[in-house]
Amino acid sequence: RRRGQGYIDLHLNRQGLQRDIRLRVQHSRAAPPIAAQTNMLLTIPETLAKDHKLAIYDLPFELPDVDWHLYWHSNYSQDKAHQWMRSVIIDIFNQEIS
C-alpha cells in the first residue's frame, strides 16, 4: 500500500493506537532484508520472516479473520484456461491456510 491505512492500522485505530510508518515497500518480500539490517519492525506473514532469521513475535492483539474473494468477468466463467488458473489460486490459498 503506497499510502493510507492497512488492515493492522485499522485495527490499531479502533484501540486508539497508531504506527509510526517510516518506510513502505511495494512487495512484502522486499521488507525482511531491510528489517534484518536496520532497527525497524515490520508486520508480515511469519512464513516470510523465517527465511531471513528475524525474531518473530505474535501481535499483542488478535486480528479478525480476513475474507478473501476471487472475482472474474462472467465472460470467462467457462474458459478452460481461466478455470485452471482459478483452481491454482484456490489451491495456493488452501495450502497457506492449512
PDB file of N, CA and C in Angstrom:
ATOM      1  N   ARG A   1       0.850  -1.170   0.000  1.00  0.00           N
ATOM      2  CA  ARG A   1       0.000   0.000   0.000  1.00  0.00           C
ATOM      3  C   ARG A   1       0.891   1.226   0.000  1.00  0.00           C
ATOM      4  N   ARG A   2       0.733   2.059  -0.994  1.00  0.00           N
ATOM      5  CA  ARG A   2       1.594   3.244  -1.105  1.00  0.00           C
ATOM      6  C   ARG A   2       1.331   4.261  -0.012  1.00  0.00           C
ATOM      7  N   ARG A   3       0.100   4.374   0.384  1.00  0.00           N
ATOM      8  CA  ARG A   3      -0.254   5.311   1.450  1.00  0.00           C
ATOM      9  C   ARG A   3      -1.571   4.865   2.050  1.00  0.00           C
ATOM     10  N   GLY A   4      -1.957   5.545   3.092  1.00  0.00           N
ATOM     11  CA  GLY A   4      -3.203   5.167   3.743  1.00  0.00           C
ATOM     12  C   GLY A   4      -3.001   4.025   4.716  1.00  0.00           C
ATOM     13  N   GLN A   5      -4.089   3.623   5.294  1.00  0.00           N
ATOM     14  CA  GLN A   5      -4.025   2.629   6.343  1.00  0.00           C
ATOM     15  C   GLN A   5      -4.245   1.225   5.808  1.00  0.00           C
ATOM     16  N   GLY A   6      -3.534   0.299   6.396  1.00  0.00           N
ATOM     17  CA  GLY A   6      -3.703  -1.105   6.068  1.00  0.00           C
ATOM     18  C   GLY A   6      -4.573  -1.781   7.107  1.00  0.00           C
ATOM     19  N   TYR A   7      -4.680  -3.060   6.970  1.00  0.00           N
ATOM     20  CA  TYR A   7      -5.536  -3.875   7.827  1.00  0.00           C
ATOM     21  C   TYR A   7      -5.161  -3.735   9.306  1.00  0.00           C
ATOM     22  N   ILE A   8      -3.883  -3.810   9.609  1.00  0.00           N
ATOM     23  CA  ILE A   8      -3.440  -3.704  11.001  1.00  0.00           C
ATOM     24  C   ILE A   8      -3.672  -2.295  11.529  1.00  0.00           C
ATOM     25  N   ASP A   9      -3.425  -1.292  10.704  1.00  0.00           N
ATOM     26  CA  ASP A   9      -3.644   0.095  11.132  1.00  0.00           C
ATOM     27  C   ASP A   9      -5.103   0.347  11.500  1.00  0.00           C
ATOM     28  N   LEU A  10      -6.008  -0.181  10.721  1.00  0.00           N
ATOM     29  CA  LEU A  10      -7.434  -0.004  11.025  1.00  0.00           C
ATOM     30  C   LEU A  10      -7.776  -0.614  12.377  1.00  0.00           C
ATOM     31  N   HIS A  11      -7.211  -1.778  12.658  1.00  0.00           N
ATOM     32  CA  HIS A  11      -7.456  -2.431  13.944  1.00  0.00           C
ATOM     33  C   HIS A  11      -6.842  -1.623  15.090  1.00  0.00           C
ATOM     34  N   LEU A  12      -5.623  -1.128  14.902  1.00  0.00           N
ATOM     35  CA  LEU A  12      -4.982  -0.312  15.936  1.00  0.00           C
ATOM     36  C   LEU A  12      -5.768   0.961  16.207  1.00  0.00           C
ATOM     37  N   ASN A  13      -6.270   1.585  15.163  1.00  0.00           N
ATOM     38  CA  ASN A  13      -7.039   2.818  15.329  1.00  0.00           C
ATOM     39  C   ASN A  13      -8.259   2.608  16.213  1.00  0.00           C
ATOM     40  N   ARG A  14      -8.884   1.449  16.082  1.00  0.00           N
ATOM     41  CA  ARG A  14     -10.052   1.153  16.926  1.00  0.00           C
ATOM     42  C   ARG A  14      -9.660   1.093  18.396  1.00  0.00           C
ATOM     43  N   GLN A  15      -8.380   0.839  18.666  1.00  0.00           N
ATOM     44  CA  GLN A  15      -7.883   0.788  20.045  1.00  0.00           C
ATOM     45  C   GLN A  15      -7.222   2.101  20.463  1.00  0.00           C
ATOM     46  N   GLY A  16      -7.302   3.110  19.602  1.00  0.00           N
ATOM     47  CA  GLY A  16      -6.716   4.405  19.905  1.00  0.00           C
ATOM     48  C   GLY A  16      -5.211   4.448  19.709  1.00  0.00           C
ATOM     49  N   LEU A  17      -4.670   3.535  18.897  1.00  0.00           N
ATOM     50  CA  LEU A  17      -3.225   3.462  18.660  1.00  0.00           C
ATOM     51  C   LEU A  17      -2.921   3.702  17.192  1.00  0.00           C
ATOM     52  N   GLN A  18      -1.667   4.048  16.917  1.00  0.00           N
ATOM     53  CA  GLN A  18      -1.244   4.157  15.520  1.00  0.00           C
ATOM     54  C   GLN A  18       0.246   3.870  15.417  1.00  0.00           C
ATOM     55  N   ARG A  19       0.639   3.407  14.235  1.00  0.00           N
ATOM     56  CA  ARG A  19       2.054   3.122  13.983  1.00  0.00           C
ATOM     57  C   ARG A  19       2.735   4.358  13.423  1.00  0.00           C
ATOM     58  N   ASP A  20       4.047   4.426  13.616  1.00  0.00           N
ATOM     59  CA  ASP A  20       4.874   5.469  13.019  1.00  0.00           C
ATOM     60  C   ASP A  20       5.583   4.820  11.832  1.00  0.00           C
ATOM     61  N   ILE A  21       4.968   4.892  10.668  1.00  0.00           N
ATOM     62  CA  ILE A  21       5.485   4.206   9.481  1.00  0.00           C
ATOM     63  C   ILE A  21       6.588   5.049   8.857  1.00  0.00           C
ATOM     64  N   ARG A  22       7.778   4.458   8.758  1.00  0.00           N
ATOM     65  CA  ARG A  22       8.931   5.153   8.212  1.00  0.00           C
ATOM     66  C   ARG A  22       9.281   4.726   6.798  1.00  0.00           C
ATOM     67  N   LEU A  23       8.814   3.561   6.391  1.00  0.00           N
ATOM     68  CA  LEU A  23       9.185   3.027   5.087  1.00  0.00           C
ATOM     69  C   LEU A  23       8.070   2.129   4.583  1.00  0.00           C
ATOM     70  N   ARG A  24       7.787   2.237   3.307  1.00  0.00           N
ATOM     71  CA  ARG A  24       6.840   1.344   2.649  1.00  0.00           C
ATOM     72  C   ARG A  24       7.541   0.718   1.456  1.00  0.00           C
ATOM     73  N   VAL A  25       7.238  -0.532   1.205  1.00  0.00           N
ATOM     74  CA  VAL A  25       7.796  -1.220   0.050  1.00  0.00           C
ATOM     75  C   VAL A  25       6.633  -1.706  -0.811  1.00  0.00           C
ATOM     76  N   GLN A  26       6.912  -1.918  -2.080  1.00  0.00           N
ATOM     77  CA  GLN A  26       5.840  -2.320  -2.990  1.00  0.00           C
ATOM     78  C   GLN A  26       5.496  -3.790  -2.873  1.00  0.00           C
ATOM     79  N   HIS A  27       6.400  -4.584  -2.332  1.00  0.00           N
ATOM     80  CA  HIS A  27       6.122  -6.004  -2.193  1.00  0.00           C
ATOM     81  C   HIS A  27       6.622  -6.470  -0.831  1.00  0.00           C
ATOM     82  N   SER A  28       5.835  -7.281  -0.148  1.00  0.00           N
ATOM     83  CA  SER A  28       6.195  -7.711   1.204  1.00  0.00           C
ATOM     84  C   SER A  28       7.497  -8.499   1.256  1.00  0.00           C
ATOM     85  N   ARG A  29       7.910  -9.094   0.158  1.00  0.00           N
ATOM     86  CA  ARG A  29       9.173  -9.846   0.153  1.00  0.00           C
ATOM     87  C   ARG A  29      10.399  -8.917   0.171  1.00  0.00           C
ATOM     88  N   ALA A  30      10.204  -7.649  -0.121  1.00  0.00           N
ATOM     89  CA  ALA A  30      11.322  -6.705  -0.077  1.00  0.00           C
ATOM     90  C   ALA A  30      11.607  -6.231   1.340  1.00  0.00           C
ATOM     91  N   ALA A  31      10.659  -6.332   2.239  1.00  0.00           N
ATOM     92  CA  ALA A  31      10.802  -5.784   3.582  1.00  0.00           C
ATOM     93  C   ALA A  31      11.722  -6.576   4.510  1.00  0.00           C
ATOM     94  N   PRO A  32      11.700  -7.925   4.543  1.00  0.00           N
ATOM     95  CA  PRO A  32      12.543  -8.647   5.502  1.00  0.00           C
ATOM     96  C   PRO A  32      14.035  -8.343   5.414  1.00  0.00           C
ATOM     97  N   PRO A  33      14.639  -8.280   4.224  1.00  0.00           N
ATOM     98  CA  PRO A  33      16.072  -7.954   4.199  1.00  0.00           C
ATOM     99  C   PRO A  33      16.368  -6.563   4.758  1.00  0.00           C
ATOM    100  N   ILE A  34      15.440  -5.639   4.572  1.00  0.00           N
ATOM    101  CA  ILE A  34      15.624  -4.288   5.121  1.00  0.00           C
ATOM    102  C   ILE A  34      15.566  -4.334   6.640  1.00  0.00           C
ATOM    103  N   ALA A  35      14.555  -5.028   7.171  1.00  0.00           N
ATOM    104  CA  ALA A  35      14.417  -5.128   8.627  1.00  0.00           C
ATOM    105  C   ALA A  35      15.609  -5.838   9.248  1.00  0.00           C
ATOM    106  N   ALA A  36      16.165  -6.810   8.541  1.00  0.00           N
ATOM    107  CA  ALA A  36      17.307  -7.565   9.062  1.00  0.00           C
ATOM    108  C   ALA A  36      18.549  -6.695   9.216  1.00  0.00           C
ATOM    109  N   GLN A  37      18.619  -5.579   8.499  1.00  0.00           N
ATOM    110  CA  GLN A  37      19.802  -4.722   8.542  1.00  0.00           C
ATOM    111  C   GLN A  37      19.544  -3.370   9.204  1.00  0.00           C
ATOM    112  N   THR A  38      18.373  -3.202   9.805  1.00  0.00           N
ATOM    113  CA  THR A  38      18.038  -1.933  10.464  1.00  0.00           C
ATOM    114  C   THR A  38      17.425  -2.228  11.830  1.00  0.00           C
ATOM    115  N   ASN A  39      17.009  -1.181  12.520  1.00  0.00           N
ATOM    116  CA  ASN A  39      16.308  -1.363  13.792  1.00  0.00           C
ATOM    117  C   ASN A  39      14.789  -1.247  13.607  1.00  0.00           C
ATOM    118  N   MET A  40      14.324  -1.409  12.383  1.00  0.00           N
ATOM    119  CA  MET A  40      12.897  -1.286  12.095  1.00  0.00           C
ATOM    120  C   MET A  40      12.155  -2.586  12.412  1.00  0.00           C
ATOM    121  N   LEU A  41      10.883  -2.433  12.695  1.00  0.00           N
ATOM    122  CA  LEU A  41       9.967  -3.558  12.880  1.00  0.00           C
ATOM    123  C   LEU A  41       9.085  -3.650  11.654  1.00  0.00           C
ATOM    124  N   LEU A  42       8.565  -4.823  11.393  1.00  0.00           N
ATOM    125  CA  LEU A  42       7.623  -4.938  10.299  1.00  0.00           C
ATOM    126  C   LEU A  42       6.576  -5.980  10.636  1.00  0.00           C
ATOM    127  N   THR A  43       5.449  -5.876  10.005  1.00  0.00           N
ATOM    128  CA  THR A  43       4.379  -6.854  10.168  1.00  0.00           C
ATOM    129  C   THR A  43       4.182  -7.539   8.825  1.00  0.00           C
ATOM    130  N   ILE A  44       4.496  -8.835   8.828  1.00  0.00           N
ATOM    131  CA  ILE A  44       4.370  -9.654   7.624  1.00  0.00           C
ATOM    132  C   ILE A  44       3.949 -11.058   8.050  1.00  0.00           C
ATOM    133  N   PRO A  45       3.511 -11.871   7.125  1.00  0.00           N
ATOM    134  CA  PRO A  45       3.233 -13.261   7.478  1.00  0.00           C
ATOM    135  C   PRO A  45       4.508 -13.948   7.978  1.00  0.00           C
ATOM    136  N   GLU A  46       4.356 -14.809   8.947  1.00  0.00           N
ATOM    137  CA  GLU A  46       5.503 -15.493   9.556  1.00  0.00           C
ATOM    138  C   GLU A  46       6.336 -16.252   8.539  1.00  0.00           C
ATOM    139  N   THR A  47       5.707 -16.798   7.535  1.00  0.00           N
ATOM    140  CA  THR A  47       6.440 -17.574   6.532  1.00  0.00           C
ATOM    141  C   THR A  47       7.488 -16.727   5.809  1.00  0.00           C
ATOM    142  N   LEU A  48       7.249 -15.427   5.662  1.00  0.00           N
ATOM    143  CA  LEU A  48       8.218 -14.550   5.003  1.00  0.00           C
ATOM    144  C   LEU A  48       9.370 -14.178   5.936  1.00  0.00           C
ATOM    145  N   ALA A  49       9.120 -14.157   7.226  1.00  0.00           N
ATOM    146  CA  ALA A  49      10.161 -13.765   8.183  1.00  0.00           C
ATOM    147  C   ALA A  49      11.175 -14.873   8.414  1.00  0.00           C
ATOM    148  N   LYS A  50      10.751 -16.114   8.348  1.00  0.00           N
ATOM    149  CA  LYS A  50      11.633 -17.238   8.682  1.00  0.00           C
ATOM    150  C   LYS A  50      12.859 -17.316   7.784  1.00  0.00           C
ATOM    151  N   ASP A  51      12.731 -16.965   6.531  1.00  0.00           N
ATOM    152  CA  ASP A  51      13.845 -17.066   5.594  1.00  0.00           C
ATOM    153  C   ASP A  51      14.965 -16.057   5.877  1.00  0.00           C
ATOM    154  N   HIS A  52      14.703 -15.081   6.724  1.00  0.00           N
ATOM    155  CA  HIS A  52      15.673 -14.003   6.957  1.00  0.00           C
ATOM    156  C   HIS A  52      16.184 -13.966   8.392  1.00  0.00           C
ATOM    157  N   LYS A  53      15.903 -15.014   9.152  1.00  0.00           N
ATOM    158  CA  LYS A  53      16.384 -15.137  10.531  1.00  0.00           C
ATOM    159  C   LYS A  53      15.995 -13.934  11.382  1.00  0.00           C
ATOM    160  N   LEU A  54      14.789 -13.441  11.192  1.00  0.00           N
ATOM    161  CA  LEU A  54      14.276 -12.344  12.002  1.00  0.00           C
ATOM    162  C   LEU A  54      13.651 -12.915  13.270  1.00  0.00           C
ATOM    163  N   ALA A  55      13.713 -12.147  14.335  1.00  0.00           N
ATOM    164  CA  ALA A  55      12.980 -12.535  15.547  1.00  0.00           C
ATOM    165  C   ALA A  55      11.494 -12.411  15.237  1.00  0.00           C
ATOM    166  N   ILE A  56      10.739 -13.394  15.660  1.00  0.00           N
ATOM    167  CA  ILE A  56       9.309 -13.427  15.348  1.00  0.00           C
ATOM    168  C   ILE A  56       8.517 -13.332  16.644  1.00  0.00           C
ATOM    169  N   TYR A  57       7.597 -12.377  16.690  1.00  0.00           N
ATOM    170  CA  TYR A  57       6.730 -12.183  17.840  1.00  0.00           C
ATOM    171  C   TYR A  57       5.288 -12.122  17.363  1.00  0.00           C
ATOM    172  N   ASP A  58       4.406 -12.686  18.155  1.00  0.00           N
ATOM    173  CA  ASP A  58       2.986 -12.573  17.847  1.00  0.00           C
ATOM    174  C   ASP A  58       2.539 -11.142  18.096  1.00  0.00           C
ATOM    175  N   LEU A  59       1.537 -10.713  17.365  1.00  0.00           N
ATOM    176  CA  LEU A  59       0.949  -9.405  17.637  1.00  0.00           C
ATOM    177  C   LEU A  59       0.347  -9.434  19.044  1.00  0.00           C
ATOM    178  N   PRO A  60       0.376  -8.320  19.738  1.00  0.00           N
ATOM    179  CA  PRO A  60      -0.164  -8.310  21.110  1.00  0.00           C
ATOM    180  C   PRO A  60      -1.696  -8.219  21.146  1.00  0.00           C
ATOM    181  N   PHE A  61      -2.330  -8.492  20.042  1.00  0.00           N
ATOM    182  CA  PHE A  61      -3.791  -8.471  19.958  1.00  0.00           C
ATOM    183  C   PHE A  61      -4.209  -9.408  18.843  1.00  0.00           C
ATOM    184  N   GLU A  62      -5.443  -9.820  18.870  1.00  0.00           N
ATOM    185  CA  GLU A  62      -5.991 -10.700  17.843  1.00  0.00           C
ATOM    186  C   GLU A  62      -6.567  -9.858  16.707  1.00  0.00           C
ATOM    187  N   LEU A  63      -6.284 -10.269  15.507  1.00  0.00           N
ATOM    188  CA  LEU A  63      -6.902  -9.631  14.339  1.00  0.00           C
ATOM    189  C   LEU A  63      -8.104 -10.462  13.908  1.00  0.00           C
ATOM    190  N   PRO A  64      -9.158  -9.798  13.472  1.00  0.00           N
ATOM    191  CA  PRO A  64     -10.275 -10.573  12.931  1.00  0.00           C
ATOM    192  C   PRO A  64      -9.853 -11.280  11.648  1.00  0.00           C
ATOM    193  N   ASP A  65     -10.525 -12.369  11.344  1.00  0.00           N
ATOM    194  CA  ASP A  65     -10.238 -13.089  10.105  1.00  0.00           C
ATOM    195  C   ASP A  65     -10.494 -12.189   8.903  1.00  0.00           C
ATOM    196  N   VAL A  66      -9.727 -12.422   7.845  1.00  0.00           N
ATOM    197  CA  VAL A  66      -9.881 -11.668   6.605  1.00  0.00           C
ATOM    198  C   VAL A  66     -10.637 -12.547   5.609  1.00  0.00           C
ATOM    199  N   ASP A  67     -11.647 -11.992   5.005  1.00  0.00           N
ATOM    200  CA  ASP A  67     -12.367 -12.701   3.949  1.00  0.00           C
ATOM    201  C   ASP A  67     -11.682 -12.409   2.626  1.00  0.00           C
ATOM    202  N   TRP A  68     -11.344 -13.456   1.880  1.00  0.00           N
ATOM    203  CA  TRP A  68     -10.719 -13.323   0.574  1.00  0.00           C
ATOM    204  C   TRP A  68     -11.743 -13.687  -0.487  1.00  0.00           C
ATOM    205  N   HIS A  69     -11.743 -12.948  -1.564  1.00  0.00           N
ATOM    206  CA  HIS A  69     -12.677 -13.193  -2.654  1.00  0.00           C
ATOM    207  C   HIS A  69     -11.919 -13.222  -3.973  1.00  0.00           C
ATOM    208  N   LEU A  70     -12.410 -14.019  -4.884  1.00  0.00           N
ATOM    209  CA  LEU A  70     -11.830 -14.119  -6.213  1.00  0.00           C
ATOM    210  C   LEU A  70     -12.907 -13.698  -7.202  1.00  0.00           C
ATOM    211  N   TYR A  71     -12.620 -12.690  -7.983  1.00  0.00           N
ATOM    212  CA  TYR A  71     -13.590 -12.146  -8.936  1.00  0.00           C
ATOM    213  C   TYR A  71     -13.087 -12.317 -10.364  1.00  0.00           C
ATOM    214  N   TRP A  72     -14.005 -12.496 -11.290  1.00  0.00           N
ATOM    215  CA  TRP A  72     -13.662 -12.535 -12.703  1.00  0.00           C
ATOM    216  C   TRP A  72     -14.884 -12.151 -13.508  1.00  0.00           C
ATOM    217  N   HIS A  73     -14.658 -11.726 -14.723  1.00  0.00           N
ATOM    218  CA  HIS A  73     -15.749 -11.349 -15.608  1.00  0.00           C
ATOM    219  C   HIS A  73     -16.505 -12.603 -16.022  1.00  0.00           C
ATOM    220  N   SER A  74     -17.813 -12.509 -16.066  1.00  0.00           N
ATOM    221  CA  SER A  74     -18.647 -13.676 -16.371  1.00  0.00           C
ATOM    222  C   SER A  74     -18.346 -14.268 -17.750  1.00  0.00           C
ATOM    223  N   ASN A  75     -17.794 -13.471 -18.655  1.00  0.00           N
ATOM    224  CA  ASN A  75     -17.433 -14.000 -19.974  1.00  0.00           C
ATOM    225  C   ASN A  75     -16.391 -15.112 -19.885  1.00  0.00           C
ATOM    226  N   TYR A  76     -15.632 -15.149 -18.780  1.00  0.00           N
ATOM    227  CA  TYR A  76     -14.566 -16.128 -18.639  1.00  0.00           C
ATOM    228  C   TYR A  76     -14.938 -17.319 -17.752  1.00  0.00           C
ATOM    229  N   SER A  77     -16.179 -17.394 -17.315  1.00  0.00           N
ATOM    230  CA  SER A  77     -16.582 -18.466 -16.412  1.00  0.00           C
ATOM    231  C   SER A  77     -16.384 -19.855 -17.001  1.00  0.00           C
ATOM    232  N   GLN A  78     -16.604 -20.014 -18.303  1.00  0.00           N
ATOM    233  CA  GLN A  78     -16.475 -21.326 -18.939  1.00  0.00           C
ATOM    234  C   GLN A  78     -15.140 -21.515 -19.670  1.00  0.00           C
ATOM    235  N   ASP A  79     -14.289 -20.508 -19.647  1.00  0.00           N
ATOM    236  CA  ASP A  79     -12.991 -20.589 -20.312  1.00  0.00           C
ATOM    237  C   ASP A  79     -12.091 -21.577 -19.558  1.00  0.00           C
ATOM    238  N   LYS A  80     -11.597 -22.605 -20.249  1.00  0.00           N
ATOM    239  CA  LYS A  80     -10.809 -23.671 -19.606  1.00  0.00           C
ATOM    240  C   LYS A  80      -9.523 -23.148 -18.959  1.00  0.00           C
ATOM    241  N   ALA A  81      -8.816 -22.275 -19.647  1.00  0.00           N
ATOM    242  CA  ALA A  81      -7.579 -21.732 -19.082  1.00  0.00           C
ATOM    243  C   ALA A  81      -7.888 -20.904 -17.829  1.00  0.00           C
ATOM    244  N   HIS A  82      -8.954 -20.159 -17.874  1.00  0.00           N
ATOM    245  CA  HIS A  82      -9.346 -19.328 -16.734  1.00  0.00           C
ATOM    246  C   HIS A  82      -9.774 -20.206 -15.560  1.00  0.00           C
ATOM    247  N   GLN A  83     -10.509 -21.268 -15.846  1.00  0.00           N
ATOM    248  CA  GLN A  83     -10.911 -22.208 -14.793  1.00  0.00           C
ATOM    249  C   GLN A  83      -9.673 -22.830 -14.133  1.00  0.00           C
ATOM    250  N   TRP A  84      -8.702 -23.198 -14.963  1.00  0.00           N
ATOM    251  CA  TRP A  84      -7.478 -23.779 -14.431  1.00  0.00           C
ATOM    252  C   TRP A  84      -6.770 -22.780 -13.515  1.00  0.00           C
ATOM    253  N   MET A  85      -6.616 -21.544 -13.956  1.00  0.00           N
ATOM    254  CA  MET A  85      -5.921 -20.537 -13.156  1.00  0.00           C
ATOM    255  C   MET A  85      -6.661 -20.283 -11.841  1.00  0.00           C
ATOM    256  N   ARG A  86      -7.968 -20.229 -11.878  1.00  0.00           N
ATOM    257  CA  ARG A  86      -8.731 -20.042 -10.639  1.00  0.00           C
ATOM    258  C   ARG A  86      -8.491 -21.203  -9.680  1.00  0.00           C
ATOM    259  N   SER A  87      -8.455 -22.422 -10.204  1.00  0.00           N
ATOM    260  CA  SER A  87      -8.233 -23.583  -9.331  1.00  0.00           C
ATOM    261  C   SER A  87      -6.826 -23.552  -8.734  1.00  0.00           C
ATOM    262  N   VAL A  88      -5.840 -23.098  -9.488  1.00  0.00           N
ATOM    263  CA  VAL A  88      -4.477 -22.976  -8.958  1.00  0.00           C
ATOM    264  C   VAL A  88      -4.444 -21.955  -7.819  1.00  0.00           C
ATOM    265  N   ILE A  89      -5.066 -20.825  -8.022  1.00  0.00           N
ATOM    266  CA  ILE A  89      -5.097 -19.780  -6.988  1.00  0.00           C
ATOM    267  C   ILE A  89      -5.803 -20.288  -5.732  1.00  0.00           C
ATOM    268  N   ILE A  90      -6.914 -20.960  -5.897  1.00  0.00           N
ATOM    269  CA  ILE A  90      -7.653 -21.504  -4.751  1.00  0.00           C
ATOM    270  C   ILE A  90      -6.813 -22.537  -4.014  1.00  0.00           C
ATOM    271  N   ASP A  91      -6.115 -23.399  -4.760  1.00  0.00           N
ATOM    272  CA  ASP A  91      -5.247 -24.398  -4.128  1.00  0.00           C
ATOM    273  C   ASP A  91      -4.137 -23.739  -3.307  1.00  0.00           C
ATOM    274  N   ILE A  92      -3.549 -22.679  -3.824  1.00  0.00           N
ATOM    275  CA  ILE A  92      -2.483 -21.974  -3.109  1.00  0.00           C
ATOM    276  C   ILE A  92      -3.014 -21.414  -1.794  1.00  0.00           C
ATOM    277  N   PHE A  93      -4.176 -20.790  -1.827  1.00  0.00           N
ATOM    278  CA  PHE A  93      -4.748 -20.238  -0.610  1.00  0.00           C
ATOM    279  C   PHE A  93      -5.100 -21.339   0.372  1.00  0.00           C
ATOM    280  N   ASN A  94      -5.616 -22.458  -0.098  1.00  0.00           N
ATOM    281  CA  ASN A  94      -5.944 -23.563   0.792  1.00  0.00           C
ATOM    282  C   ASN A  94      -4.713 -24.138   1.462  1.00  0.00           C
ATOM    283  N   GLN A  95      -3.579 -24.176   0.751  1.00  0.00           N
ATOM    284  CA  GLN A  95      -2.323 -24.660   1.335  1.00  0.00           C
ATOM    285  C   GLN A  95      -1.815 -23.711   2.415  1.00  0.00           C
ATOM    286  N   GLU A  96      -1.956 -22.413   2.197  1.00  0.00           N
ATOM    287  CA  GLU A  96      -1.487 -21.419   3.158  1.00  0.00           C
ATOM    288  C   GLU A  96      -2.302 -21.492   4.458  1.00  0.00           C
ATOM    289  N   ILE A  97      -3.573 -21.808   4.334  1.00  0.00           N
ATOM    290  CA  ILE A  97      -4.453 -21.852   5.499  1.00  0.00           C
ATOM    291  C   ILE A  97      -4.194 -23.101   6.331  1.00  0.00           C
ATOM    292  N   SER A  98      -3.897 -24.214   5.683  1.00  0.00           N
ATOM    293  CA  SER A  98      -3.719 -25.452   6.449  1.00  0.00           C
ATOM    294  C   SER A  98      -2.332 -25.637   6.989  1.00  0.00           C
TER     295      SER A  98
END
